[in-house]
Amino acid sequence: MPELALFPTPSPAGDDRQLPRNIEAEAAFLGAILIDNRVVEDLPVALTPDHFFEPLHGRIFQHTMALIERNSIATPVTLKPFFEADEAMKAVGGPGYLAQLTGSGAGLIGARDFARQIFDLALLRELVGVGRVLVDNALDTSERVDPQSQIEEAETALYRVAGGEAEMGTVKSFSQASLVALQAAERALNSGGHLSGITTGIGSMNAKIGGMHNSDLMILAGRPGMGKTSLATNIAYNAAERFRRDEEDGIPPEKNMGAKVAFFSLEMSADQLATRVLAEQSGVSGEALRMGKISKDQFQQLSRAAQALQTLPLYIDDTPGLTIAGLRTRARRLQRRHDIGFIVVDYLQLLQGSSKSGDNRVQEISEISRGLKTLAKELHVPVMALSQLSRQVESREDKRPQLSDLRESGSIEQDADMVLFVFREDYYVAAKEPKRPVEGDDVKIHAQHEEWAAEMERVFGLAEVIVAKSRHGSTGKIRMHFEAKTTKFSDLADDGQAYDDYE
């Protein structure tokens, strides 16, 4: 084993405590690799040069990995040319130090344990750094300091430390990226076709969009009364229920078609949202639930549904007035604690931007939409954000929404990977009901109401989800059934014409 005391052991100014490290473990691990290059094929963590406390060890590891990746053999002899002019190497006796590393061969026995320890100690050093910055910032009492933003920044930094293993994979070779794409295709094939992402639980929707894909920002928009919150709760429930079912069936996580769900409800309280889900799953009207107008049989239905929902991996956060930074912090925390795989935000316009955006609402919405897209990529999960539409929809003859109707900012359309609009024609037809005829009324009045009733019968219970933008496939229109009593979306009985592609 080399003489390790030659290495300096610096400590920060004003602090005589040493940073967490084990230089002996680093030396033993490097020695194991140089004796047998195959050691790197079975490491429990993805090490990088930055994980080594001693910079020279980090450089040795870097050059060793470069040789191995080129299918060359890494030995003290092949590494020697890289270190002949290295000043730190000269300080420990020159390139002969490389041979000293392989001296005992003891590292071969515990190489995996050494790798894990090197990684863990690097995380602890990073944690010490975060703590020092946090203390320094907290001691700054000038007027410009915003304690809340400091808390959010600290949680962001801690999340980066906690997600250290994932953070190291930010740069991928094309072969790695193509392997992920191939796995998604295999997943779609194994599911019977159509589904490569997380299920929406609605067959026609899965067939059209292929499920919800990791790192995607999905915008689900519609005018008030169209049922966008209902559709979002339907999808959230379906994804969580599929996760639970696949898990109970012993399906491995990488093949699970569902996800644990975090639902950020800025408009409704958690109990209101739970009432909706209960109504959808029990078949009991939400209005009857709230007013207590239910029979004993319906109450039993409700009890059975509530019991089934107790183990559902669906987590509701109804904190009002959340900032985009606060939402991201809470989402990270939920993923750490519960391994969240899908996030719903209801709705985007109720989020707040940072104080820097001031009174400029367009700039604030742009910041929020960018923040949601960043969150999707950072946590590697699909994020569905609900959005309001502008009133200009109501002034058109055809009330179907368009991308230009997205309210307050074009950045929503730009940042989104997919834009979905909910449209229910029966909502608008019902609002046009002419005067109800009574006995003695003119024939024309009877005819007008009969014509309206025929039109209402044609569109009643029908809904459309319009795919106005999709980075993964075609745009088009998905037809569904909407049960107004329980606010539940489902496939049409005749799904032969479930969706149309646009040209």
Protein backbone atom coordinates (compact mmCIF):
# COMPACT_ATOMS: atom_id res chain seq x y z
CA MET A 1 0.00 0.00 0.00
CA PRO A 2 1.42 3.48 -0.89
CA GLU A 3 2.48 6.03 1.66
CA LEU A 4 -0.76 7.96 1.92
CA ALA A 5 0.49 10.48 4.47
CA LEU A 6 2.18 12.30 1.57
CA PHE A 7 -1.23 13.62 0.51
CA PRO A 8 -2.32 16.95 2.01
CA THR A 9 -5.43 16.94 4.22
CA PRO A 10 -6.81 20.43 3.77
CA SER A 11 -9.64 21.75 5.88
CA PRO A 12 -11.61 24.94 5.31
CA ALA A 13 -10.32 28.13 6.85
CA GLY A 14 -11.54 28.60 10.40
CA ASP A 15 -12.61 24.93 10.70
CA ASP A 16 -10.15 22.35 12.05
CA ARG A 17 -12.53 19.46 11.31
CA GLN A 18 -11.65 17.32 8.31
CA LEU A 19 -14.05 16.76 5.44
CA PRO A 20 -15.34 13.18 5.16
CA ARG A 21 -12.90 11.07 3.11
CA ASN A 22 -11.03 7.78 2.98
CA ILE A 23 -7.91 8.14 0.83
CA GLU A 24 -6.88 4.56 1.65
CA ALA A 25 -10.16 3.27 0.18
CA GLU A 26 -9.60 5.37 -2.96
CA ALA A 27 -6.07 3.94 -3.38
CA ALA A 28 -7.25 0.35 -2.79
CA PHE A 29 -10.11 0.77 -5.28
CA LEU A 30 -7.82 2.19 -7.99
CA GLY A 31 -5.35 -0.63 -7.34
CA ALA A 32 -8.13 -3.20 -7.85
CA ILE A 33 -9.07 -1.68 -11.22
CA LEU A 34 -5.46 -1.62 -12.41
CA ILE A 35 -5.04 -5.29 -11.45
CA ASP A 36 -8.35 -6.36 -13.09
CA ASN A 37 -10.14 -3.89 -15.41
CA ARG A 38 -13.31 -5.99 -15.20
CA VAL A 39 -13.93 -4.54 -11.72
CA VAL A 40 -15.62 -1.48 -13.31
CA GLU A 41 -18.25 -3.69 -15.01
CA ASP A 42 -20.04 -4.48 -11.76
CA LEU A 43 -19.99 -1.36 -9.58
CA PRO A 44 -22.95 -0.58 -7.28
CA VAL A 45 -22.75 3.15 -8.12
CA ALA A 46 -21.70 5.26 -11.11
CA LEU A 47 -18.45 6.85 -9.98
CA THR A 48 -16.93 9.93 -11.63
CA PRO A 49 -13.53 11.58 -11.03
CA ASP A 50 -15.25 14.23 -8.88
CA HIS A 51 -16.17 11.62 -6.28
CA PHE A 52 -12.51 11.17 -5.29
CA PHE A 53 -11.32 13.46 -2.49
CA GLU A 54 -7.70 13.36 -3.67
CA PRO A 55 -7.53 15.14 -7.08
CA LEU A 56 -4.69 12.89 -8.26
CA HIS A 57 -6.85 9.84 -7.63
CA GLY A 58 -9.64 11.46 -9.63
CA ARG A 59 -7.28 11.98 -12.59
CA ILE A 60 -6.00 8.40 -12.37
CA PHE A 61 -9.61 7.15 -12.42
CA GLN A 62 -10.46 9.44 -15.37
CA HIS A 63 -7.57 8.21 -17.55
CA THR A 64 -8.19 4.61 -16.49
CA MET A 65 -11.84 4.78 -17.59
CA ALA A 66 -10.86 6.49 -20.85
CA LEU A 67 -8.54 3.60 -21.70
CA ILE A 68 -11.12 0.96 -20.74
CA GLU A 69 -13.85 2.65 -22.81
CA ARG A 70 -11.50 2.52 -25.83
CA ASN A 71 -11.12 -1.24 -25.26
CA SER A 72 -7.51 -0.73 -24.18
CA ILE A 73 -5.95 -2.29 -21.10
CA ALA A 74 -5.40 0.09 -18.17
CA THR A 75 -2.25 -0.79 -16.22
CA PRO A 76 0.46 1.25 -14.46
CA VAL A 77 2.50 0.93 -17.68
CA THR A 78 -0.24 2.21 -20.06
CA LEU A 79 -1.12 5.03 -17.65
CA LYS A 80 2.47 6.22 -17.15
CA PRO A 81 2.61 8.61 -20.18
CA PHE A 82 -0.37 10.60 -18.83
CA PHE A 83 1.38 11.39 -15.53
CA GLU A 84 5.04 12.03 -16.38
CA ALA A 85 4.52 15.81 -16.16
CA ASP A 86 1.91 15.70 -13.37
CA GLU A 87 3.17 17.79 -10.42
CA ALA A 88 0.99 15.98 -7.87
CA MET A 89 2.34 12.65 -9.11
CA LYS A 90 5.90 13.94 -8.73
CA ALA A 91 5.09 14.88 -5.11
CA VAL A 92 4.34 11.22 -4.30
CA GLY A 93 7.41 9.83 -6.05
CA GLY A 94 6.48 9.98 -9.73
CA PRO A 95 4.66 7.45 -11.97
CA GLY A 96 6.01 4.66 -9.81
CA TYR A 97 3.11 5.50 -7.50
CA LEU A 98 0.83 3.74 -10.03
CA ALA A 99 2.66 0.48 -9.43
CA GLN A 100 2.42 1.03 -5.66
CA LEU A 101 -1.37 1.14 -5.97
CA THR A 102 -1.38 -2.46 -7.21
CA GLY A 103 1.12 -3.57 -4.57
CA SER A 104 -1.03 -5.58 -2.17
CA GLY A 105 -3.99 -6.53 -4.34
CA ALA A 106 -6.18 -6.35 -1.20
CA GLY A 107 -8.62 -4.01 -2.95
CA LEU A 108 -9.85 -6.78 -5.25
CA ILE A 109 -11.75 -8.40 -2.39
CA GLY A 110 -13.74 -5.32 -1.38
CA ALA A 111 -13.79 -3.26 -4.61
CA ARG A 112 -17.61 -2.89 -4.61
CA ASP A 113 -17.62 -1.77 -0.96
CA PHE A 114 -14.81 0.70 -1.62
CA ALA A 115 -16.73 2.16 -4.59
CA ARG A 116 -19.86 2.63 -2.46
CA GLN A 117 -17.85 4.26 0.33
CA ILE A 118 -16.11 6.67 -2.07
CA PHE A 119 -19.50 7.64 -3.49
CA ASP A 120 -21.16 8.08 -0.08
CA LEU A 121 -18.30 10.18 1.30
CA ALA A 122 -18.48 12.43 -1.78
CA LEU A 123 -22.19 13.00 -1.08
CA LEU A 124 -21.38 13.86 2.54
CA ARG A 125 -18.79 16.42 1.40
CA GLU A 126 -21.36 17.94 -0.93
CA LEU A 127 -23.82 18.04 1.96
CA VAL A 128 -21.25 19.87 4.09
CA GLY A 129 -20.89 22.43 1.30
CA VAL A 130 -24.65 22.94 1.09
CA GLY A 131 -24.80 23.38 4.87
CA ARG A 132 -22.07 26.02 4.90
CA VAL A 133 -23.74 28.03 2.13
CA LEU A 134 -27.06 27.73 3.98
CA VAL A 135 -25.52 29.04 7.22
CA ASP A 136 -23.70 31.90 5.46
CA ASN A 137 -26.88 32.98 3.66
CA ALA A 138 -29.00 32.70 6.82
CA LEU A 139 -26.59 35.00 8.68
CA ASP A 140 -27.10 37.70 6.04
CA THR A 141 -29.78 39.96 7.54
CA SER A 142 -29.76 42.72 4.91
CA GLU A 143 -33.12 43.94 3.64
CA ARG A 144 -32.70 42.40 0.20
CA VAL A 145 -32.71 38.88 1.70
CA ASP A 146 -35.82 36.75 1.09
CA PRO A 147 -35.90 33.89 3.66
CA GLN A 148 -38.53 31.94 1.71
CA SER A 149 -36.39 31.91 -1.45
CA GLN A 150 -33.41 30.81 0.66
CA ILE A 151 -35.43 27.83 1.94
CA GLU A 152 -36.44 26.89 -1.61
CA GLU A 153 -32.84 27.20 -2.85
CA ALA A 154 -31.61 25.07 0.06
CA GLU A 155 -34.19 22.36 -0.68
CA THR A 156 -33.18 22.42 -4.36
CA ALA A 157 -29.53 21.97 -3.39
CA LEU A 158 -30.42 19.14 -0.99
CA TYR A 159 -32.46 17.45 -3.70
CA ARG A 160 -29.46 17.53 -6.01
CA VAL A 161 -27.40 15.85 -3.29
CA ALA A 162 -30.13 13.28 -2.57
CA GLY A 163 -30.45 12.50 -6.28
CA GLY A 164 -26.70 12.23 -6.77
CA GLU A 165 -26.81 8.90 -8.54
CA ALA A 166 -29.39 10.12 -11.07
CA GLU A 167 -27.62 13.46 -11.58
CA MET A 168 -24.50 11.70 -12.87
CA GLY A 169 -26.31 10.43 -15.95
CA THR A 170 -27.03 13.82 -17.49
CA VAL A 171 -24.73 13.25 -20.49
CA LYS A 172 -25.71 10.17 -22.47
CA SER A 173 -24.11 8.62 -25.51
CA PHE A 174 -26.35 7.94 -28.49
CA SER A 175 -26.17 4.21 -27.76
CA GLN A 176 -27.56 4.82 -24.25
CA ALA A 177 -30.33 7.07 -25.56
CA SER A 178 -31.27 4.60 -28.31
CA LEU A 179 -31.41 1.77 -25.75
CA VAL A 180 -33.99 3.76 -23.74
CA ALA A 181 -36.01 4.33 -26.94
CA LEU A 182 -35.85 0.61 -27.72
CA GLN A 183 -37.05 -0.26 -24.21
CA ALA A 184 -40.04 2.09 -24.69
CA ALA A 185 -40.88 0.33 -27.97
CA GLU A 186 -40.59 -3.07 -26.26
CA ARG A 187 -42.89 -1.85 -23.50
CA ALA A 188 -45.48 -0.78 -26.10
CA LEU A 189 -45.20 -4.18 -27.81
CA ASN A 190 -45.59 -6.12 -24.55
CA SER A 191 -48.65 -4.07 -23.60
CA GLY A 192 -50.43 -5.31 -26.71
CA GLY A 193 -49.63 -2.23 -28.77
CA HIS A 194 -50.28 1.50 -28.42
CA LEU A 195 -48.95 2.01 -24.87
CA SER A 196 -45.30 2.99 -24.35
CA GLY A 197 -45.83 5.40 -21.43
CA ILE A 198 -47.97 5.52 -18.31
CA THR A 199 -51.58 4.55 -18.95
CA THR A 200 -54.40 7.11 -18.92
CA GLY A 201 -56.84 4.25 -18.27
CA ILE A 202 -58.86 5.27 -21.34
CA GLY A 203 -58.24 2.94 -24.28
CA SER A 204 -58.98 5.40 -27.08
CA MET A 205 -56.73 8.01 -25.49
CA ASN A 206 -53.88 5.53 -25.01
CA ALA A 207 -54.27 4.45 -28.64
CA LYS A 208 -53.95 8.03 -29.84
CA ILE A 209 -51.13 9.40 -27.65
CA GLY A 210 -49.35 6.18 -26.62
CA GLY A 211 -49.70 6.90 -22.91
CA MET A 212 -47.97 9.63 -20.89
CA HIS A 213 -44.23 9.81 -21.39
CA ASN A 214 -41.52 10.63 -18.87
CA SER A 215 -40.11 14.19 -18.99
CA ASP A 216 -43.15 15.45 -20.94
CA LEU A 217 -45.14 18.54 -20.05
CA MET A 218 -48.78 17.94 -21.01
CA ILE A 219 -51.19 20.86 -21.02
CA LEU A 220 -54.86 19.93 -20.57
CA ALA A 221 -56.97 23.00 -21.30
CA GLY A 222 -60.63 23.90 -21.61
CA ARG A 223 -63.25 26.50 -20.80
CA PRO A 224 -65.00 26.32 -17.39
CA GLY A 225 -67.57 23.51 -17.31
CA MET A 226 -65.86 21.36 -19.96
CA GLY A 227 -64.65 18.80 -17.39
CA LYS A 228 -60.88 19.24 -17.49
CA THR A 229 -60.50 18.65 -13.73
CA SER A 230 -62.76 15.59 -14.03
CA LEU A 231 -60.62 14.17 -16.85
CA ALA A 232 -57.44 14.88 -14.87
CA THR A 233 -58.79 13.09 -11.76
CA ASN A 234 -59.94 10.17 -13.95
CA ILE A 235 -56.45 9.83 -15.43
CA ALA A 236 -54.74 10.27 -12.04
CA TYR A 237 -56.93 7.56 -10.50
CA ASN A 238 -56.43 5.20 -13.46
CA ALA A 239 -52.62 5.57 -13.37
CA ALA A 240 -52.48 5.02 -9.59
CA GLU A 241 -54.88 2.06 -9.72
CA ARG A 242 -52.90 0.42 -12.56
CA PHE A 243 -49.69 0.86 -10.53
CA ARG A 244 -51.27 -0.83 -7.51
CA ARG A 245 -52.69 -3.67 -9.61
CA ASP A 246 -49.43 -4.34 -11.49
CA GLU A 247 -47.49 -4.25 -8.22
CA GLU A 248 -49.87 -6.77 -6.61
CA ASP A 249 -49.48 -9.01 -9.69
CA GLY A 250 -45.70 -9.03 -9.18
CA ILE A 251 -44.90 -7.07 -12.35
CA PRO A 252 -41.42 -5.47 -12.03
CA PRO A 253 -41.32 -1.62 -11.74
CA GLU A 254 -39.78 -1.12 -15.19
CA LYS A 255 -42.77 -2.93 -16.78
CA ASN A 256 -45.46 -1.35 -14.59
CA MET A 257 -47.87 0.60 -16.79
CA GLY A 258 -49.14 2.76 -13.93
CA ALA A 259 -47.53 5.29 -11.60
CA LYS A 260 -47.75 6.74 -8.11
CA VAL A 261 -49.43 10.12 -8.54
CA ALA A 262 -48.98 13.55 -6.93
CA PHE A 263 -52.01 15.80 -7.47
CA PHE A 264 -51.46 19.51 -6.70
CA SER A 265 -54.95 20.96 -6.32
CA LEU A 266 -54.76 24.74 -6.13
CA GLU A 267 -58.48 25.19 -6.86
CA MET A 268 -60.23 22.51 -4.79
CA SER A 269 -59.51 21.17 -1.32
CA ALA A 270 -58.30 17.60 -0.83
CA ASP A 271 -61.70 16.46 0.49
CA GLN A 272 -63.51 17.98 -2.50
CA LEU A 273 -61.17 16.16 -4.83
CA ALA A 274 -61.62 12.93 -2.86
CA THR A 275 -65.42 13.35 -3.16
CA ARG A 276 -65.05 13.53 -6.94
CA VAL A 277 -62.95 10.36 -7.06
CA LEU A 278 -65.43 8.59 -4.75
CA ALA A 279 -68.33 9.62 -6.99
CA GLU A 280 -66.51 8.41 -10.11
CA GLN A 281 -65.65 5.03 -8.62
CA SER A 282 -68.85 4.33 -6.67
CA GLY A 283 -71.27 5.50 -9.34
CA VAL A 284 -73.04 7.72 -6.79
CA SER A 285 -73.71 11.30 -7.89
CA GLY A 286 -71.35 13.87 -6.38
CA GLU A 287 -74.33 16.17 -5.73
CA ALA A 288 -76.16 13.41 -3.86
CA LEU A 289 -72.99 12.74 -1.87
CA ARG A 290 -72.65 16.35 -0.76
CA MET A 291 -76.33 16.71 0.13
CA GLY A 292 -76.63 13.30 1.81
CA LYS A 293 -79.43 12.21 -0.55
CA ILE A 294 -78.29 8.61 -0.83
CA SER A 295 -79.90 5.26 -0.08
CA LYS A 296 -78.46 2.53 2.13
CA ASP A 297 -77.43 0.58 -0.96
CA GLN A 298 -75.64 3.64 -2.32
CA PHE A 299 -73.93 4.14 1.02
CA GLN A 300 -72.67 0.55 0.86
CA GLN A 301 -71.38 1.20 -2.66
CA LEU A 302 -69.64 4.29 -1.31
CA SER A 303 -68.09 2.38 1.59
CA ARG A 304 -66.76 -0.31 -0.72
CA ALA A 305 -65.23 2.31 -3.02
CA ALA A 306 -63.70 4.19 -0.07
CA GLN A 307 -62.17 0.98 1.27
CA ALA A 308 -60.65 0.17 -2.13
CA LEU A 309 -59.20 3.69 -2.35
CA GLN A 310 -57.41 3.52 1.00
CA THR A 311 -54.27 1.92 -0.45
CA LEU A 312 -54.34 3.92 -3.68
CA PRO A 313 -50.92 5.57 -4.30
CA LEU A 314 -52.47 8.98 -5.00
CA TYR A 315 -51.17 11.92 -2.93
CA ILE A 316 -53.07 15.22 -2.85
CA ASP A 317 -51.44 18.57 -1.99
CA ASP A 318 -54.06 21.32 -1.69
CA THR A 319 -51.73 24.10 -0.44
CA PRO A 320 -53.17 27.40 -1.76
CA GLY A 321 -51.10 30.16 -3.36
CA LEU A 322 -48.12 27.97 -4.26
CA THR A 323 -45.22 29.51 -6.17
CA ILE A 324 -43.67 27.51 -8.99
CA ALA A 325 -40.50 27.18 -6.88
CA GLY A 326 -42.57 25.94 -3.92
CA LEU A 327 -44.39 23.40 -6.09
CA ARG A 328 -41.10 22.07 -7.46
CA THR A 329 -39.73 21.73 -3.92
CA ARG A 330 -42.83 19.81 -2.77
CA ALA A 331 -42.76 17.59 -5.85
CA ARG A 332 -39.12 16.66 -5.23
CA ARG A 333 -39.94 15.85 -1.61
CA LEU A 334 -42.87 13.64 -2.66
CA GLN A 335 -40.71 11.79 -5.16
CA ARG A 336 -38.02 11.18 -2.53
CA ARG A 337 -40.55 9.87 -0.01
CA HIS A 338 -43.02 8.05 -2.26
CA ASP A 339 -41.27 7.54 -5.63
CA ILE A 340 -43.84 9.61 -7.52
CA GLY A 341 -44.09 8.80 -11.24
CA PHE A 342 -46.77 11.24 -12.47
CA ILE A 343 -47.68 14.80 -11.44
CA VAL A 344 -50.94 16.73 -12.01
CA VAL A 345 -51.26 20.49 -11.42
CA ASP A 346 -54.77 21.99 -11.24
CA TYR A 347 -54.37 24.58 -12.50
CA LEU A 348 -51.49 26.52 -14.05
CA GLN A 349 -52.91 30.05 -13.75
CA LEU A 350 -53.32 29.68 -9.96
CA LEU A 351 -49.57 29.20 -9.52
CA GLN A 352 -47.46 32.23 -8.72
CA GLY A 353 -44.12 33.15 -10.26
CA SER A 354 -41.19 34.71 -8.46
CA SER A 355 -41.33 38.29 -7.23
CA LYS A 356 -38.89 39.17 -10.04
CA SER A 357 -41.65 38.88 -12.63
CA GLY A 358 -43.46 41.75 -10.90
CA ASP A 359 -46.76 42.79 -12.41
CA ASN A 360 -46.03 41.34 -15.85
CA ARG A 361 -48.48 38.43 -15.98
CA VAL A 362 -47.29 37.15 -19.37
CA GLN A 363 -43.72 36.97 -18.06
CA GLU A 364 -44.97 35.25 -14.91
CA ILE A 365 -46.91 32.59 -16.85
CA SER A 366 -43.84 32.04 -19.05
CA GLU A 367 -41.75 31.44 -15.92
CA ILE A 368 -44.36 29.00 -14.59
CA SER A 369 -44.62 26.97 -17.82
CA ARG A 370 -40.82 26.79 -18.11
CA GLY A 371 -40.65 25.72 -14.45
CA LEU A 372 -43.14 22.91 -15.05
CA LYS A 373 -41.20 21.65 -18.07
CA THR A 374 -37.97 21.78 -16.05
CA LEU A 375 -39.70 19.80 -13.27
CA ALA A 376 -40.79 17.10 -15.73
CA LYS A 377 -37.22 16.71 -17.01
CA GLU A 378 -35.62 16.95 -13.57
CA LEU A 379 -37.82 14.27 -11.97
CA HIS A 380 -38.10 12.30 -15.24
CA VAL A 381 -41.89 12.00 -14.93
CA PRO A 382 -44.84 13.23 -17.02
CA VAL A 383 -46.38 16.45 -15.69
CA MET A 384 -49.98 17.29 -16.63
CA ALA A 385 -50.87 20.93 -16.01
CA LEU A 386 -54.43 22.12 -16.44
CA SER A 387 -54.96 25.52 -18.04
CA GLN A 388 -57.78 27.99 -18.61
CA LEU A 389 -58.66 29.24 -22.07
CA SER A 390 -59.43 32.81 -23.08
CA ARG A 391 -63.04 33.98 -23.58
CA GLN A 392 -62.56 34.42 -27.34
CA VAL A 393 -63.69 30.78 -27.69
CA GLU A 394 -67.22 31.86 -26.75
CA SER A 395 -67.42 34.47 -29.51
CA ARG A 396 -66.86 31.95 -32.33
CA GLU A 397 -69.51 29.91 -34.11
CA ASP A 398 -67.42 26.75 -33.69
CA LYS A 399 -66.58 26.59 -29.98
CA ARG A 400 -63.80 24.02 -30.40
CA PRO A 401 -60.61 25.44 -28.83
CA GLN A 402 -57.46 26.30 -30.78
CA LEU A 403 -53.85 26.79 -29.67
CA SER A 404 -54.28 30.55 -29.95
CA ASP A 405 -56.92 30.34 -27.17
CA LEU A 406 -54.34 29.40 -24.51
CA ARG A 407 -54.62 32.17 -22.00
CA GLU A 408 -52.02 34.85 -21.20
CA SER A 409 -48.90 33.44 -22.84
CA GLY A 410 -47.69 31.77 -26.01
CA SER A 411 -44.94 30.17 -23.94
CA ILE A 412 -47.43 27.54 -22.69
CA GLU A 413 -47.74 26.24 -26.24
CA GLN A 414 -43.96 26.44 -26.79
CA ASP A 415 -42.98 24.66 -23.57
CA ALA A 416 -45.59 21.90 -23.82
CA ASP A 417 -44.78 18.57 -25.43
CA MET A 418 -48.48 17.91 -25.81
CA VAL A 419 -51.54 20.20 -25.73
CA LEU A 420 -54.95 18.62 -25.15
CA PHE A 421 -58.28 20.45 -25.24
CA VAL A 422 -61.47 19.14 -23.60
CA PHE A 423 -64.63 19.98 -25.53
CA ARG A 424 -68.24 19.00 -24.83
CA GLU A 425 -70.73 20.14 -27.42
CA ASP A 426 -73.73 19.23 -25.21
CA TYR A 427 -72.64 21.98 -22.77
CA TYR A 428 -73.21 24.64 -25.45
CA VAL A 429 -76.31 23.01 -26.96
CA ALA A 430 -77.93 22.82 -23.49
CA ALA A 431 -77.33 26.55 -23.04
CA LYS A 432 -79.29 27.28 -26.25
CA GLU A 433 -82.50 25.62 -25.11
CA PRO A 434 -85.43 27.62 -26.52
CA LYS A 435 -88.56 28.39 -24.55
CA ARG A 436 -90.25 25.21 -23.35
CA PRO A 437 -93.64 24.97 -25.13
CA VAL A 438 -96.84 24.81 -23.13
CA GLU A 439 -100.36 23.92 -24.24
CA GLY A 440 -101.68 26.51 -26.64
CA ASP A 441 -98.27 27.69 -27.87
CA ASP A 442 -97.65 28.28 -31.54
CA VAL A 443 -96.62 25.24 -33.65
CA LYS A 444 -93.36 27.02 -34.45
CA ILE A 445 -92.39 27.10 -30.76
CA HIS A 446 -93.08 23.35 -30.47
CA ALA A 447 -91.03 22.69 -33.61
CA GLN A 448 -88.09 24.76 -32.34
CA HIS A 449 -87.98 22.88 -29.05
CA GLU A 450 -88.29 19.50 -30.77
CA GLU A 451 -85.41 20.43 -33.08
CA TRP A 452 -83.31 21.44 -30.07
CA ALA A 453 -84.24 18.20 -28.22
CA ALA A 454 -83.17 16.11 -31.24
CA GLU A 455 -79.82 17.96 -31.37
CA MET A 456 -79.36 17.52 -27.61
CA GLU A 457 -80.02 13.80 -27.90
CA ARG A 458 -77.39 13.52 -30.65
CA VAL A 459 -74.61 15.15 -28.60
CA PHE A 460 -75.62 14.24 -25.04
CA GLY A 461 -72.86 12.48 -23.13
CA LEU A 462 -70.31 12.90 -25.92
CA ALA A 463 -66.94 14.56 -25.28
CA GLU A 464 -63.92 15.26 -27.40
CA VAL A 465 -60.28 15.50 -26.39
CA ILE A 466 -58.54 17.46 -29.12
CA VAL A 467 -54.81 16.75 -29.48
CA ALA A 468 -53.73 20.15 -30.78
CA LYS A 469 -49.98 19.60 -30.39
CA SER A 470 -47.91 16.45 -29.99
CA ARG A 471 -44.15 16.05 -30.22
CA HIS A 472 -44.55 12.27 -30.31
CA GLY A 473 -47.23 11.74 -32.92
CA SER A 474 -50.08 13.17 -34.93
CA THR A 475 -52.67 15.68 -33.83
CA GLY A 476 -56.35 14.81 -33.96
CA LYS A 477 -59.57 14.26 -32.08
CA ILE A 478 -60.49 11.56 -29.55
CA ARG A 479 -64.18 10.83 -28.95
CA MET A 480 -65.27 9.76 -25.47
CA HIS A 481 -68.31 9.26 -23.29
CA PHE A 482 -68.85 11.66 -20.37
CA GLU A 483 -71.15 10.72 -17.50
CA ALA A 484 -72.16 14.09 -16.04
CA LYS A 485 -73.68 12.59 -12.88
CA THR A 486 -70.39 11.09 -11.72
CA THR A 487 -68.07 13.30 -13.84
CA LYS A 488 -66.47 10.21 -15.38
CA PHE A 489 -64.84 9.97 -18.82
CA SER A 490 -64.71 6.59 -20.57
CA ASP A 491 -64.42 4.97 -24.00
CA LEU A 492 -67.41 5.09 -26.31
CA ALA A 493 -69.27 1.80 -26.60
CA ASP A 494 -68.52 1.81 -30.34
CA ASP A 495 -64.82 2.60 -30.41
CA GLY A 496 -64.35 1.84 -34.10
CA GLN A 497 -64.34 5.59 -34.73
CA ALA A 498 -62.69 6.53 -31.44
CA TYR A 499 -60.32 9.08 -32.89
CA ASP A 500 -59.44 10.95 -36.08
CA ASP A 501 -56.07 12.25 -37.20
CA TYR A 502 -55.81 15.72 -38.65
CA GLU A 503 -54.16 16.11 -42.03
